[in-house]
Amino acid sequence: MKLKSFLLFIILTLISNAGCISPKAEESWEGISDNTLKITISEFFPFEDNATDEFVKKQINEKLNQRASLILASHITINLTRNKISKDVDVAINKLINDTINNGKMVQYECNENNYCSAHGEYNTTELQKNLELINNQ
């Protein structure tokens, strides 16, 4: 009887641990960690049948950049000290957001035959984070 209980324990342990193992866990999160912003999109794109690969990539990249802009603006709204808000700070922050977006890259994308596409993008937020800290500490 002890052997059956032990085997049942081992099986249950293996089953519960198997749920925690995910080969794509690294790709599944979105947001800012350290100095990297990761973005994920999944949506339908109404491409024409003769759309080129470059056209498709451009449309998907625009969506990634739009989402990244929204997340960066939200991050700044949460982390910028209220008494530091001014026209000059706003101009500086907008430039930093634009620079961050312009230097981002699409890491991966795929589209199925129904034009449903998913993509991952990464953006380096080092300068933005550094300047946000400087502004808050002035």
N, C-alpha and C. Protein backbone atom coordinates (compact mmCIF):
# COMPACT_ATOMS: atom_id res chain seq x y z
N MET A 1 0.81 -1.19 0.00
CA MET A 1 0.00 0.00 0.00
C MET A 1 0.86 1.26 0.00
N LYS A 2 1.99 1.22 0.71
CA LYS A 2 2.88 2.36 0.73
C LYS A 2 3.44 2.66 -0.66
N LEU A 3 3.72 1.62 -1.43
CA LEU A 3 4.25 1.80 -2.78
C LEU A 3 3.23 2.50 -3.66
N LYS A 4 1.95 2.12 -3.56
CA LYS A 4 0.90 2.76 -4.35
C LYS A 4 0.78 4.24 -3.99
N SER A 5 0.84 4.55 -2.71
CA SER A 5 0.76 5.94 -2.27
C SER A 5 1.95 6.74 -2.78
N PHE A 6 3.11 6.14 -2.71
CA PHE A 6 4.33 6.81 -3.18
C PHE A 6 4.25 7.07 -4.67
N LEU A 7 3.83 6.05 -5.44
CA LEU A 7 3.71 6.22 -6.89
C LEU A 7 2.66 7.27 -7.24
N LEU A 8 1.55 7.26 -6.52
CA LEU A 8 0.51 8.27 -6.75
C LEU A 8 1.07 9.67 -6.46
N PHE A 9 1.83 9.81 -5.39
CA PHE A 9 2.46 11.08 -5.05
C PHE A 9 3.40 11.55 -6.16
N ILE A 10 4.23 10.64 -6.68
CA ILE A 10 5.17 10.97 -7.75
C ILE A 10 4.41 11.40 -9.01
N ILE A 11 3.38 10.67 -9.35
CA ILE A 11 2.60 11.00 -10.56
C ILE A 11 1.94 12.36 -10.42
N LEU A 12 1.33 12.62 -9.27
CA LEU A 12 0.68 13.92 -9.06
C LEU A 12 1.69 15.06 -9.07
N THR A 13 2.87 14.83 -8.52
CA THR A 13 3.91 15.85 -8.53
C THR A 13 4.36 16.15 -9.95
N LEU A 14 4.57 15.09 -10.74
CA LEU A 14 4.97 15.29 -12.13
C LEU A 14 3.91 16.02 -12.93
N ILE A 15 2.66 15.67 -12.72
CA ILE A 15 1.56 16.33 -13.45
C ILE A 15 1.48 17.81 -13.08
N SER A 16 1.57 18.11 -11.77
CA SER A 16 1.46 19.52 -11.37
C SER A 16 2.65 20.34 -11.86
N ASN A 17 3.84 19.74 -11.90
CA ASN A 17 5.01 20.46 -12.39
C ASN A 17 5.00 20.61 -13.91
N ALA A 18 4.38 19.69 -14.61
CA ALA A 18 4.33 19.77 -16.07
C ALA A 18 3.55 21.00 -16.52
N GLY A 19 2.58 21.43 -15.74
CA GLY A 19 1.82 22.63 -16.09
C GLY A 19 2.64 23.90 -16.01
N CYS A 20 3.72 23.86 -15.28
CA CYS A 20 4.57 25.05 -15.11
C CYS A 20 5.62 25.17 -16.20
N ILE A 21 5.81 24.13 -16.97
CA ILE A 21 6.84 24.13 -18.00
C ILE A 21 6.22 24.61 -19.31
N SER A 22 6.80 25.66 -19.87
CA SER A 22 6.30 26.20 -21.13
C SER A 22 7.48 26.62 -21.99
N PRO A 23 7.64 26.02 -23.18
CA PRO A 23 8.79 26.36 -24.00
C PRO A 23 8.76 27.80 -24.52
N LYS A 24 7.59 28.43 -24.61
CA LYS A 24 7.49 29.78 -25.14
C LYS A 24 7.18 30.79 -24.04
N ALA A 25 7.45 30.44 -22.80
CA ALA A 25 7.12 31.34 -21.70
C ALA A 25 7.81 32.69 -21.86
N GLU A 26 9.00 32.71 -22.42
CA GLU A 26 9.75 33.96 -22.60
C GLU A 26 9.02 34.92 -23.54
N GLU A 27 8.32 34.38 -24.53
CA GLU A 27 7.64 35.22 -25.51
C GLU A 27 6.28 35.69 -25.04
N SER A 28 5.72 35.07 -24.01
CA SER A 28 4.33 35.30 -23.68
C SER A 28 4.08 36.54 -22.82
N TRP A 29 5.10 37.16 -22.28
CA TRP A 29 4.85 38.33 -21.45
C TRP A 29 4.98 39.61 -22.27
N GLU A 30 4.35 40.63 -21.77
CA GLU A 30 4.39 41.93 -22.43
C GLU A 30 4.57 43.00 -21.36
N GLY A 31 5.40 43.99 -21.67
CA GLY A 31 5.62 45.07 -20.73
C GLY A 31 7.10 45.42 -20.64
N ILE A 32 7.45 46.16 -19.59
CA ILE A 32 8.83 46.62 -19.41
C ILE A 32 9.48 45.81 -18.31
N SER A 33 10.64 45.28 -18.64
CA SER A 33 11.46 44.58 -17.66
C SER A 33 12.90 45.03 -17.88
N ASP A 34 13.54 45.45 -16.79
CA ASP A 34 14.87 46.05 -16.89
C ASP A 34 14.78 47.21 -17.88
N ASN A 35 15.49 47.14 -18.98
CA ASN A 35 15.46 48.21 -19.97
C ASN A 35 14.92 47.74 -21.31
N THR A 36 14.02 46.77 -21.27
CA THR A 36 13.43 46.25 -22.49
C THR A 36 11.91 46.27 -22.40
N LEU A 37 11.29 46.81 -23.43
CA LEU A 37 9.84 46.76 -23.57
C LEU A 37 9.53 45.70 -24.59
N LYS A 38 8.71 44.73 -24.21
CA LYS A 38 8.27 43.69 -25.14
C LYS A 38 6.79 43.90 -25.44
N ILE A 39 6.47 43.80 -26.70
CA ILE A 39 5.10 44.01 -27.18
C ILE A 39 4.65 42.77 -27.95
N THR A 40 3.38 42.42 -27.80
CA THR A 40 2.79 41.32 -28.56
C THR A 40 1.48 41.81 -29.14
N ILE A 41 1.26 41.53 -30.40
CA ILE A 41 -0.04 41.82 -31.01
C ILE A 41 -0.53 40.55 -31.71
N SER A 42 -1.82 40.44 -31.79
CA SER A 42 -2.48 39.38 -32.56
C SER A 42 -3.78 39.96 -33.08
N GLU A 43 -3.89 40.07 -34.37
CA GLU A 43 -5.11 40.62 -34.93
C GLU A 43 -5.24 40.33 -36.42
N PHE A 44 -6.43 40.62 -36.93
CA PHE A 44 -6.73 40.44 -38.35
C PHE A 44 -6.26 41.67 -39.11
N PHE A 45 -5.58 41.44 -40.23
CA PHE A 45 -5.16 42.51 -41.13
C PHE A 45 -5.82 42.28 -42.49
N PRO A 46 -6.54 43.27 -43.00
CA PRO A 46 -7.22 43.09 -44.29
C PRO A 46 -6.29 43.30 -45.49
N PHE A 47 -5.31 42.41 -45.65
CA PHE A 47 -4.38 42.52 -46.77
C PHE A 47 -5.03 42.02 -48.06
N GLU A 48 -4.61 42.60 -49.15
CA GLU A 48 -5.01 42.09 -50.45
C GLU A 48 -4.22 40.81 -50.73
N ASP A 49 -4.71 39.99 -51.62
CA ASP A 49 -4.04 38.73 -51.94
C ASP A 49 -2.63 38.95 -52.50
N ASN A 50 -2.42 40.05 -53.16
CA ASN A 50 -1.11 40.30 -53.78
C ASN A 50 -0.20 41.20 -52.93
N ALA A 51 -0.47 41.31 -51.63
CA ALA A 51 0.34 42.15 -50.74
C ALA A 51 1.75 41.57 -50.64
N THR A 52 2.73 42.44 -50.73
CA THR A 52 4.12 42.00 -50.63
C THR A 52 4.49 41.77 -49.16
N ASP A 53 5.55 41.01 -48.97
CA ASP A 53 6.02 40.75 -47.61
C ASP A 53 6.41 42.05 -46.92
N GLU A 54 7.03 42.97 -47.63
CA GLU A 54 7.42 44.25 -47.04
C GLU A 54 6.19 45.07 -46.61
N PHE A 55 5.14 45.04 -47.43
CA PHE A 55 3.91 45.75 -47.08
C PHE A 55 3.31 45.18 -45.81
N VAL A 56 3.26 43.86 -45.72
CA VAL A 56 2.71 43.18 -44.55
C VAL A 56 3.54 43.54 -43.31
N LYS A 57 4.86 43.45 -43.42
CA LYS A 57 5.74 43.77 -42.30
C LYS A 57 5.54 45.22 -41.84
N LYS A 58 5.39 46.13 -42.79
CA LYS A 58 5.21 47.54 -42.45
C LYS A 58 3.91 47.75 -41.67
N GLN A 59 2.83 47.12 -42.10
CA GLN A 59 1.55 47.26 -41.42
C GLN A 59 1.61 46.69 -40.00
N ILE A 60 2.23 45.53 -39.86
CA ILE A 60 2.35 44.90 -38.55
C ILE A 60 3.25 45.73 -37.65
N ASN A 61 4.34 46.23 -38.19
CA ASN A 61 5.26 47.05 -37.41
C ASN A 61 4.59 48.33 -36.91
N GLU A 62 3.73 48.92 -37.72
CA GLU A 62 2.99 50.11 -37.29
C GLU A 62 2.11 49.80 -36.09
N LYS A 63 1.46 48.63 -36.11
CA LYS A 63 0.62 48.22 -34.97
C LYS A 63 1.46 47.97 -33.72
N LEU A 64 2.62 47.34 -33.89
CA LEU A 64 3.52 47.14 -32.76
C LEU A 64 3.93 48.49 -32.16
N ASN A 65 4.30 49.43 -33.04
CA ASN A 65 4.74 50.74 -32.58
C ASN A 65 3.62 51.52 -31.88
N GLN A 66 2.40 51.40 -32.38
CA GLN A 66 1.26 52.05 -31.74
C GLN A 66 1.07 51.52 -30.32
N ARG A 67 1.14 50.20 -30.20
CA ARG A 67 0.97 49.58 -28.88
C ARG A 67 2.13 49.96 -27.95
N ALA A 68 3.34 49.97 -28.48
CA ALA A 68 4.50 50.35 -27.68
C ALA A 68 4.36 51.80 -27.19
N SER A 69 3.91 52.69 -28.05
CA SER A 69 3.70 54.10 -27.66
C SER A 69 2.71 54.21 -26.51
N LEU A 70 1.64 53.46 -26.60
CA LEU A 70 0.61 53.50 -25.56
C LEU A 70 1.17 52.99 -24.23
N ILE A 71 1.92 51.90 -24.27
CA ILE A 71 2.48 51.35 -23.04
C ILE A 71 3.54 52.28 -22.46
N LEU A 72 4.38 52.86 -23.31
CA LEU A 72 5.39 53.80 -22.81
C LEU A 72 4.74 55.04 -22.19
N ALA A 73 3.71 55.56 -22.84
CA ALA A 73 3.01 56.73 -22.29
C ALA A 73 2.37 56.39 -20.95
N SER A 74 1.80 55.20 -20.84
CA SER A 74 1.21 54.77 -19.57
C SER A 74 2.28 54.62 -18.50
N HIS A 75 3.41 54.06 -18.87
CA HIS A 75 4.52 53.88 -17.94
C HIS A 75 4.99 55.24 -17.41
N ILE A 76 5.11 56.20 -18.29
CA ILE A 76 5.55 57.54 -17.88
C ILE A 76 4.50 58.21 -17.00
N THR A 77 3.24 58.06 -17.35
CA THR A 77 2.17 58.64 -16.55
C THR A 77 2.21 58.11 -15.12
N ILE A 78 2.50 56.84 -14.98
CA ILE A 78 2.56 56.22 -13.65
C ILE A 78 3.82 56.64 -12.91
N ASN A 79 4.94 56.79 -13.61
CA ASN A 79 6.23 56.98 -12.95
C ASN A 79 6.76 58.41 -12.90
N LEU A 80 6.14 59.34 -13.59
CA LEU A 80 6.59 60.73 -13.55
C LEU A 80 5.98 61.44 -12.35
N THR A 81 6.81 62.01 -11.53
CA THR A 81 6.35 62.75 -10.37
C THR A 81 5.49 63.93 -10.84
N ARG A 82 4.32 64.09 -10.24
CA ARG A 82 3.34 65.08 -10.70
C ARG A 82 3.87 66.51 -10.72
N ASN A 83 4.69 66.86 -9.76
CA ASN A 83 5.17 68.25 -9.73
C ASN A 83 6.29 68.50 -10.75
N LYS A 84 6.68 67.50 -11.52
CA LYS A 84 7.70 67.65 -12.55
C LYS A 84 7.09 67.89 -13.94
N ILE A 85 5.78 67.85 -14.03
CA ILE A 85 5.11 68.02 -15.32
C ILE A 85 5.22 69.47 -15.76
N SER A 86 5.72 69.67 -16.99
CA SER A 86 5.81 71.00 -17.58
C SER A 86 5.87 70.84 -19.10
N LYS A 87 5.80 71.96 -19.78
CA LYS A 87 5.87 71.92 -21.24
C LYS A 87 7.22 71.37 -21.70
N ASP A 88 8.31 71.82 -21.08
CA ASP A 88 9.65 71.36 -21.47
C ASP A 88 9.83 69.86 -21.21
N VAL A 89 9.33 69.40 -20.08
CA VAL A 89 9.41 67.96 -19.76
C VAL A 89 8.59 67.17 -20.77
N ASP A 90 7.42 67.68 -21.11
CA ASP A 90 6.55 67.01 -22.07
C ASP A 90 7.25 66.86 -23.43
N VAL A 91 7.89 67.91 -23.87
CA VAL A 91 8.62 67.87 -25.14
C VAL A 91 9.76 66.84 -25.07
N ALA A 92 10.51 66.86 -23.98
CA ALA A 92 11.63 65.93 -23.82
C ALA A 92 11.15 64.48 -23.77
N ILE A 93 10.08 64.24 -23.02
CA ILE A 93 9.53 62.88 -22.90
C ILE A 93 9.01 62.39 -24.25
N ASN A 94 8.32 63.25 -24.98
CA ASN A 94 7.81 62.83 -26.30
C ASN A 94 8.94 62.49 -27.25
N LYS A 95 10.03 63.25 -27.20
CA LYS A 95 11.19 62.93 -28.04
C LYS A 95 11.77 61.58 -27.64
N LEU A 96 11.88 61.33 -26.35
CA LEU A 96 12.41 60.04 -25.88
C LEU A 96 11.51 58.87 -26.30
N ILE A 97 10.20 59.06 -26.23
CA ILE A 97 9.27 58.01 -26.68
C ILE A 97 9.48 57.75 -28.16
N ASN A 98 9.54 58.82 -28.96
CA ASN A 98 9.73 58.65 -30.41
C ASN A 98 11.05 57.98 -30.73
N ASP A 99 12.11 58.36 -30.04
CA ASP A 99 13.42 57.72 -30.27
C ASP A 99 13.37 56.24 -29.91
N THR A 100 12.72 55.93 -28.80
CA THR A 100 12.59 54.53 -28.37
C THR A 100 11.82 53.72 -29.41
N ILE A 101 10.72 54.27 -29.90
CA ILE A 101 9.90 53.57 -30.90
C ILE A 101 10.68 53.40 -32.21
N ASN A 102 11.37 54.44 -32.65
CA ASN A 102 12.10 54.38 -33.91
C ASN A 102 13.25 53.37 -33.88
N ASN A 103 13.77 53.08 -32.69
CA ASN A 103 14.86 52.12 -32.58
C ASN A 103 14.38 50.72 -32.20
N GLY A 104 13.08 50.52 -32.16
CA GLY A 104 12.53 49.20 -31.84
C GLY A 104 12.69 48.25 -33.01
N LYS A 105 12.45 46.98 -32.73
CA LYS A 105 12.55 45.99 -33.81
C LYS A 105 11.48 44.92 -33.65
N MET A 106 11.02 44.46 -34.79
CA MET A 106 10.10 43.34 -34.81
C MET A 106 10.94 42.08 -34.68
N VAL A 107 10.68 41.30 -33.65
CA VAL A 107 11.47 40.11 -33.39
C VAL A 107 10.95 38.92 -34.19
N GLN A 108 9.64 38.84 -34.31
CA GLN A 108 9.03 37.69 -34.98
C GLN A 108 7.62 38.07 -35.42
N TYR A 109 7.19 37.51 -36.54
CA TYR A 109 5.79 37.65 -36.92
C TYR A 109 5.39 36.47 -37.79
N GLU A 110 4.09 36.19 -37.78
CA GLU A 110 3.55 35.16 -38.65
C GLU A 110 2.09 35.48 -38.94
N CYS A 111 1.68 35.12 -40.14
CA CYS A 111 0.30 35.32 -40.55
C CYS A 111 -0.23 34.01 -41.11
N ASN A 112 -1.48 33.71 -40.79
CA ASN A 112 -2.06 32.50 -41.38
C ASN A 112 -2.78 32.86 -42.68
N GLU A 113 -3.39 31.88 -43.30
CA GLU A 113 -4.01 32.10 -44.61
C GLU A 113 -5.22 33.02 -44.55
N ASN A 114 -5.74 33.28 -43.35
CA ASN A 114 -6.89 34.17 -43.18
C ASN A 114 -6.49 35.58 -42.77
N ASN A 115 -5.21 35.91 -42.93
CA ASN A 115 -4.66 37.23 -42.60
C ASN A 115 -4.74 37.55 -41.11
N TYR A 116 -4.79 36.53 -40.27
CA TYR A 116 -4.69 36.74 -38.83
C TYR A 116 -3.22 36.63 -38.48
N CYS A 117 -2.67 37.72 -37.96
CA CYS A 117 -1.23 37.79 -37.73
C CYS A 117 -0.92 38.00 -36.26
N SER A 118 0.21 37.48 -35.85
CA SER A 118 0.73 37.75 -34.52
C SER A 118 2.18 38.18 -34.67
N ALA A 119 2.62 39.04 -33.77
CA ALA A 119 3.99 39.56 -33.86
C ALA A 119 4.49 39.94 -32.47
N HIS A 120 5.81 39.93 -32.35
CA HIS A 120 6.49 40.34 -31.13
C HIS A 120 7.50 41.42 -31.49
N GLY A 121 7.55 42.47 -30.68
CA GLY A 121 8.52 43.54 -30.87
C GLY A 121 9.27 43.82 -29.59
N GLU A 122 10.47 44.35 -29.73
CA GLU A 122 11.28 44.72 -28.57
C GLU A 122 11.82 46.13 -28.76
N TYR A 123 11.85 46.86 -27.65
CA TYR A 123 12.28 48.26 -27.64
C TYR A 123 13.21 48.48 -26.45
N ASN A 124 14.33 49.13 -26.70
CA ASN A 124 15.28 49.43 -25.65
C ASN A 124 14.85 50.72 -24.96
N THR A 125 14.58 50.64 -23.67
CA THR A 125 14.08 51.80 -22.92
C THR A 125 15.14 52.42 -22.02
N THR A 126 16.41 52.10 -22.23
CA THR A 126 17.48 52.59 -21.36
C THR A 126 17.48 54.12 -21.25
N GLU A 127 17.52 54.80 -22.37
CA GLU A 127 17.57 56.28 -22.35
C GLU A 127 16.31 56.87 -21.73
N LEU A 128 15.18 56.32 -22.07
CA LEU A 128 13.91 56.80 -21.52
C LEU A 128 13.90 56.65 -20.01
N GLN A 129 14.28 55.48 -19.50
CA GLN A 129 14.28 55.22 -18.06
C GLN A 129 15.27 56.14 -17.35
N LYS A 130 16.46 56.29 -17.94
CA LYS A 130 17.49 57.13 -17.34
C LYS A 130 17.01 58.58 -17.24
N ASN A 131 16.44 59.09 -18.31
CA ASN A 131 15.96 60.47 -18.32
C ASN A 131 14.75 60.68 -17.43
N LEU A 132 13.90 59.70 -17.34
CA LEU A 132 12.76 59.79 -16.44
C LEU A 132 13.22 59.89 -14.98
N GLU A 133 14.24 59.12 -14.66
CA GLU A 133 14.81 59.19 -13.31
C GLU A 133 15.46 60.56 -13.06
N LEU A 134 16.19 61.07 -14.07
CA LEU A 134 16.82 62.40 -13.93
C LEU A 134 15.76 63.49 -13.70
N ILE A 135 14.69 63.43 -14.48
CA ILE A 135 13.62 64.43 -14.34
C ILE A 135 13.01 64.36 -12.95
N ASN A 136 12.74 63.16 -12.48
CA ASN A 136 12.13 63.00 -11.16
C ASN A 136 13.05 63.45 -10.03
N ASN A 137 14.37 63.37 -10.25
CA ASN A 137 15.33 63.73 -9.20
C ASN A 137 15.81 65.19 -9.27
N GLN A 138 15.30 65.98 -10.20
CA GLN A 138 15.70 67.39 -10.31
C GLN A 138 15.11 68.22 -9.19
